[in-house]
Amino acid sequence: MVCQIFAKKPADRSRGSFQNFVEYQKLLFGVFGKAAGLMKPGAAVYVRTDARELSLSVAVDALRYAFPNRRIQMREQPVKGRTQTILFGDKDKKPGEVDLIISAER
């Protein structure tokens, strides 16, 4: 069974991107915490996040909070080719993404 929970950005507080670190942190802790409560104990967890330090550290902290005593594996996924944001004029080099994986327990 695959369970996907997508976070919606608040309409006015974070238009376009998460500019408020505290709100972003609350969002991830809340979403991962809720997911942990809905999942069977020992279920696998897969999260893809931005590789930039701030996004990655918040995601890892939130996963550790929601899934204590579980091992998190990280796999770097560098950007290959053009990104979606180039369509909107953003030509900055992107660090890529990181897959955060908590394997299923048997």
N, C-alpha and C. Protein backbone atom coordinates (compact mmCIF):
# COMPACT_ATOMS: atom_id res chain seq x y z
N MET A 1 0.84 -1.18 0.00
CA MET A 1 0.00 0.00 0.00
C MET A 1 0.88 1.24 0.00
N VAL A 2 0.55 2.19 -0.84
CA VAL A 2 1.29 3.44 -0.89
C VAL A 2 0.40 4.54 -0.35
N CYS A 3 0.92 5.29 0.58
CA CYS A 3 0.19 6.40 1.17
C CYS A 3 0.94 7.68 0.83
N GLN A 4 0.30 8.57 0.12
CA GLN A 4 0.94 9.83 -0.22
C GLN A 4 0.17 10.95 0.44
N ILE A 5 0.89 11.80 1.14
CA ILE A 5 0.28 12.97 1.76
C ILE A 5 1.00 14.18 1.20
N PHE A 6 0.25 15.06 0.58
CA PHE A 6 0.83 16.25 0.00
C PHE A 6 0.42 17.45 0.84
N ALA A 7 1.39 18.27 1.15
CA ALA A 7 1.12 19.46 1.94
C ALA A 7 0.72 20.59 1.02
N LYS A 8 -0.34 21.30 1.39
CA LYS A 8 -0.73 22.48 0.64
C LYS A 8 -0.13 23.70 1.30
N LYS A 9 0.37 24.60 0.51
CA LYS A 9 0.90 25.84 1.06
C LYS A 9 -0.27 26.74 1.46
N PRO A 10 -0.16 27.40 2.60
CA PRO A 10 -1.20 28.34 2.97
C PRO A 10 -1.33 29.42 1.90
N ALA A 11 -2.56 29.79 1.58
CA ALA A 11 -2.83 30.69 0.47
C ALA A 11 -2.08 32.02 0.54
N ASP A 12 -2.12 32.69 1.66
CA ASP A 12 -1.54 34.03 1.72
C ASP A 12 -0.19 34.09 2.41
N ARG A 13 0.03 33.24 3.38
CA ARG A 13 1.22 33.36 4.20
C ARG A 13 2.51 32.99 3.47
N SER A 14 2.42 32.14 2.49
CA SER A 14 3.65 31.63 1.87
C SER A 14 3.53 31.60 0.35
N ARG A 15 3.00 32.62 -0.21
CA ARG A 15 2.77 32.63 -1.65
C ARG A 15 4.04 32.40 -2.43
N GLY A 16 4.02 31.44 -3.33
CA GLY A 16 5.16 31.20 -4.21
C GLY A 16 6.19 30.27 -3.63
N SER A 17 6.60 30.47 -2.40
CA SER A 17 7.58 29.59 -1.76
C SER A 17 7.48 29.80 -0.26
N PHE A 18 8.14 28.94 0.48
CA PHE A 18 8.11 29.07 1.93
C PHE A 18 9.13 30.11 2.36
N GLN A 19 8.64 31.25 2.72
CA GLN A 19 9.50 32.34 3.12
C GLN A 19 9.62 32.42 4.64
N ASN A 20 8.72 31.76 5.34
CA ASN A 20 8.72 31.80 6.78
C ASN A 20 9.19 30.44 7.31
N PHE A 21 10.40 30.40 7.80
CA PHE A 21 11.02 29.15 8.25
C PHE A 21 10.20 28.46 9.33
N VAL A 22 9.68 29.18 10.29
CA VAL A 22 8.93 28.58 11.39
C VAL A 22 7.67 27.91 10.86
N GLU A 23 6.97 28.56 9.93
CA GLU A 23 5.77 27.97 9.35
C GLU A 23 6.11 26.71 8.54
N TYR A 24 7.21 26.76 7.81
CA TYR A 24 7.65 25.61 7.03
C TYR A 24 7.98 24.43 7.95
N GLN A 25 8.67 24.73 9.03
CA GLN A 25 9.03 23.72 10.02
C GLN A 25 7.77 23.09 10.62
N LYS A 26 6.81 23.92 11.03
CA LYS A 26 5.55 23.43 11.59
C LYS A 26 4.81 22.55 10.59
N LEU A 27 4.82 22.96 9.34
CA LEU A 27 4.15 22.20 8.29
C LEU A 27 4.73 20.80 8.18
N LEU A 28 6.05 20.69 8.05
CA LEU A 28 6.67 19.37 7.90
C LEU A 28 6.49 18.50 9.14
N PHE A 29 6.68 19.08 10.31
CA PHE A 29 6.49 18.29 11.54
C PHE A 29 5.05 17.81 11.64
N GLY A 30 4.11 18.66 11.28
CA GLY A 30 2.69 18.29 11.33
C GLY A 30 2.34 17.21 10.32
N VAL A 31 2.79 17.37 9.09
CA VAL A 31 2.47 16.39 8.04
C VAL A 31 3.10 15.04 8.34
N PHE A 32 4.38 15.03 8.68
CA PHE A 32 5.05 13.75 8.96
C PHE A 32 4.49 13.11 10.23
N GLY A 33 4.17 13.93 11.23
CA GLY A 33 3.57 13.40 12.45
C GLY A 33 2.22 12.76 12.18
N LYS A 34 1.41 13.41 11.37
CA LYS A 34 0.10 12.85 11.03
C LYS A 34 0.26 11.57 10.21
N ALA A 35 1.18 11.57 9.27
CA ALA A 35 1.43 10.37 8.46
C ALA A 35 1.84 9.20 9.34
N ALA A 36 2.71 9.47 10.31
CA ALA A 36 3.18 8.41 11.21
C ALA A 36 2.01 7.78 11.97
N GLY A 37 1.05 8.60 12.34
CA GLY A 37 -0.12 8.10 13.06
C GLY A 37 -1.07 7.29 12.19
N LEU A 38 -1.03 7.50 10.88
CA LEU A 38 -1.91 6.80 9.96
C LEU A 38 -1.32 5.49 9.43
N MET A 39 0.00 5.39 9.48
CA MET A 39 0.71 4.26 8.89
C MET A 39 0.80 3.09 9.88
N LYS A 40 0.97 1.91 9.31
CA LYS A 40 1.22 0.73 10.15
C LYS A 40 2.62 0.87 10.74
N PRO A 41 2.84 0.40 11.96
CA PRO A 41 4.19 0.44 12.53
C PRO A 41 5.17 -0.31 11.63
N GLY A 42 6.30 0.27 11.40
CA GLY A 42 7.33 -0.37 10.58
C GLY A 42 7.18 -0.16 9.10
N ALA A 43 6.19 0.64 8.67
CA ALA A 43 5.99 0.89 7.24
C ALA A 43 7.17 1.67 6.66
N ALA A 44 7.39 1.51 5.37
CA ALA A 44 8.44 2.25 4.67
C ALA A 44 7.99 3.70 4.46
N VAL A 45 8.97 4.60 4.46
CA VAL A 45 8.70 6.02 4.23
C VAL A 45 9.67 6.51 3.16
N TYR A 46 9.17 7.25 2.19
CA TYR A 46 10.00 7.79 1.12
C TYR A 46 9.65 9.26 0.95
N VAL A 47 10.66 10.12 1.09
CA VAL A 47 10.46 11.57 0.96
C VAL A 47 11.54 12.10 0.03
N ARG A 48 11.15 12.89 -0.95
CA ARG A 48 12.12 13.58 -1.80
C ARG A 48 12.05 15.06 -1.43
N THR A 49 13.22 15.62 -1.11
CA THR A 49 13.28 17.02 -0.71
C THR A 49 14.41 17.73 -1.43
N ASP A 50 14.37 19.02 -1.37
CA ASP A 50 15.40 19.86 -1.95
C ASP A 50 16.73 19.59 -1.25
N ALA A 51 17.82 19.62 -1.97
CA ALA A 51 19.13 19.33 -1.38
C ALA A 51 19.74 20.52 -0.65
N ARG A 52 19.11 21.69 -0.76
CA ARG A 52 19.67 22.84 -0.03
C ARG A 52 19.60 22.57 1.47
N GLU A 53 20.60 23.04 2.18
CA GLU A 53 20.79 22.70 3.59
C GLU A 53 19.57 22.95 4.46
N LEU A 54 18.92 24.08 4.31
CA LEU A 54 17.78 24.42 5.16
C LEU A 54 16.63 23.44 4.94
N SER A 55 16.26 23.21 3.69
CA SER A 55 15.15 22.29 3.40
C SER A 55 15.48 20.87 3.85
N LEU A 56 16.68 20.43 3.57
CA LEU A 56 17.09 19.07 3.92
C LEU A 56 17.11 18.88 5.43
N SER A 57 17.67 19.82 6.17
CA SER A 57 17.77 19.66 7.62
C SER A 57 16.40 19.65 8.29
N VAL A 58 15.48 20.48 7.81
CA VAL A 58 14.13 20.49 8.39
C VAL A 58 13.42 19.17 8.09
N ALA A 59 13.56 18.66 6.88
CA ALA A 59 12.93 17.39 6.52
C ALA A 59 13.47 16.25 7.37
N VAL A 60 14.78 16.20 7.54
CA VAL A 60 15.39 15.13 8.34
C VAL A 60 14.95 15.25 9.80
N ASP A 61 14.96 16.45 10.35
CA ASP A 61 14.52 16.65 11.74
C ASP A 61 13.07 16.23 11.94
N ALA A 62 12.21 16.58 10.98
CA ALA A 62 10.79 16.23 11.09
C ALA A 62 10.59 14.71 10.99
N LEU A 63 11.35 14.06 10.11
CA LEU A 63 11.26 12.60 10.01
C LEU A 63 11.76 11.92 11.29
N ARG A 64 12.84 12.44 11.85
CA ARG A 64 13.35 11.86 13.11
C ARG A 64 12.35 12.03 14.24
N TYR A 65 11.65 13.15 14.25
CA TYR A 65 10.63 13.40 15.26
C TYR A 65 9.45 12.45 15.09
N ALA A 66 8.99 12.28 13.85
CA ALA A 66 7.81 11.47 13.57
C ALA A 66 8.09 9.97 13.63
N PHE A 67 9.32 9.60 13.30
CA PHE A 67 9.68 8.18 13.24
C PHE A 67 10.94 7.94 14.08
N PRO A 68 10.83 8.12 15.40
CA PRO A 68 12.01 7.93 16.25
C PRO A 68 12.49 6.48 16.19
N ASN A 69 13.77 6.30 16.40
CA ASN A 69 14.38 4.98 16.42
C ASN A 69 14.35 4.27 15.06
N ARG A 70 14.11 5.01 14.00
CA ARG A 70 14.16 4.43 12.65
C ARG A 70 15.35 5.05 11.92
N ARG A 71 16.01 4.27 11.10
CA ARG A 71 17.20 4.72 10.36
C ARG A 71 16.78 5.40 9.06
N ILE A 72 17.34 6.57 8.80
CA ILE A 72 17.04 7.32 7.57
C ILE A 72 18.23 7.20 6.63
N GLN A 73 17.99 6.70 5.44
CA GLN A 73 19.02 6.65 4.40
C GLN A 73 18.84 7.86 3.50
N MET A 74 19.95 8.40 3.02
CA MET A 74 19.90 9.54 2.11
C MET A 74 20.55 9.17 0.79
N ARG A 75 19.86 9.49 -0.30
CA ARG A 75 20.42 9.28 -1.64
C ARG A 75 20.31 10.57 -2.41
N GLU A 76 21.45 11.10 -2.81
CA GLU A 76 21.46 12.35 -3.57
C GLU A 76 20.95 12.11 -4.98
N GLN A 77 20.15 13.05 -5.46
CA GLN A 77 19.60 13.01 -6.81
C GLN A 77 19.95 14.34 -7.48
N PRO A 78 21.14 14.45 -8.08
CA PRO A 78 21.53 15.71 -8.70
C PRO A 78 20.63 16.04 -9.89
N VAL A 79 20.56 17.31 -10.20
CA VAL A 79 19.75 17.77 -11.33
C VAL A 79 20.43 17.33 -12.63
N LYS A 80 19.64 16.72 -13.47
CA LYS A 80 20.13 16.32 -14.79
C LYS A 80 19.27 17.06 -15.82
N GLY A 81 19.88 17.96 -16.55
CA GLY A 81 19.12 18.71 -17.54
C GLY A 81 18.43 19.92 -16.96
N ARG A 82 17.37 20.33 -17.64
CA ARG A 82 16.65 21.55 -17.26
C ARG A 82 15.66 21.28 -16.13
N THR A 83 15.41 22.32 -15.34
CA THR A 83 14.46 22.20 -14.24
C THR A 83 13.15 22.87 -14.61
N GLN A 84 12.13 22.58 -13.84
CA GLN A 84 10.82 23.17 -14.08
C GLN A 84 10.85 24.69 -13.89
N THR A 85 11.66 25.16 -12.95
CA THR A 85 11.67 26.60 -12.66
C THR A 85 12.28 27.44 -13.78
N ILE A 86 13.00 26.80 -14.69
CA ILE A 86 13.56 27.56 -15.81
C ILE A 86 12.44 28.14 -16.67
N LEU A 87 11.28 27.51 -16.66
CA LEU A 87 10.12 28.00 -17.40
C LEU A 87 9.67 29.37 -16.90
N PHE A 88 10.02 29.67 -15.65
CA PHE A 88 9.62 30.94 -15.04
C PHE A 88 10.79 31.91 -14.93
N GLY A 89 11.86 31.64 -15.68
CA GLY A 89 12.98 32.57 -15.73
C GLY A 89 14.08 32.34 -14.72
N ASP A 90 13.96 31.33 -13.87
CA ASP A 90 14.98 31.05 -12.86
C ASP A 90 16.07 30.19 -13.49
N LYS A 91 17.21 30.80 -13.75
CA LYS A 91 18.30 30.08 -14.40
C LYS A 91 19.45 29.75 -13.45
N ASP A 92 19.22 29.93 -12.15
CA ASP A 92 20.25 29.61 -11.16
C ASP A 92 20.52 28.12 -11.16
N LYS A 93 21.76 27.76 -10.88
CA LYS A 93 22.14 26.35 -10.78
C LYS A 93 21.45 25.75 -9.55
N LYS A 94 20.89 24.57 -9.71
CA LYS A 94 20.17 23.89 -8.63
C LYS A 94 21.01 22.76 -8.05
N PRO A 95 20.98 22.60 -6.73
CA PRO A 95 21.77 21.54 -6.10
C PRO A 95 21.16 20.15 -6.27
N GLY A 96 19.93 20.09 -6.73
CA GLY A 96 19.27 18.81 -6.88
C GLY A 96 18.37 18.50 -5.71
N GLU A 97 18.10 17.22 -5.56
CA GLU A 97 17.21 16.77 -4.51
C GLU A 97 17.87 15.62 -3.76
N VAL A 98 17.25 15.26 -2.65
CA VAL A 98 17.73 14.15 -1.84
C VAL A 98 16.53 13.27 -1.52
N ASP A 99 16.70 11.97 -1.71
CA ASP A 99 15.68 11.02 -1.30
C ASP A 99 15.99 10.60 0.13
N LEU A 100 15.00 10.70 0.99
CA LEU A 100 15.11 10.26 2.38
C LEU A 100 14.25 9.01 2.51
N ILE A 101 14.88 7.91 2.88
CA ILE A 101 14.20 6.61 2.87
C ILE A 101 14.31 5.95 4.24
N ILE A 102 13.16 5.56 4.75
CA ILE A 102 13.11 4.74 5.95
C ILE A 102 12.56 3.40 5.48
N SER A 103 13.39 2.38 5.49
CA SER A 103 13.01 1.06 4.99
C SER A 103 11.96 0.41 5.87
N ALA A 104 11.15 -0.43 5.25
CA ALA A 104 10.12 -1.16 6.01
C ALA A 104 10.80 -2.14 6.97
N GLU A 105 10.19 -2.27 8.13
CA GLU A 105 10.68 -3.25 9.10
C GLU A 105 9.90 -4.53 8.89
N ARG A 106 10.58 -5.64 9.01
CA ARG A 106 9.91 -6.94 8.81
C ARG A 106 9.62 -7.60 10.13
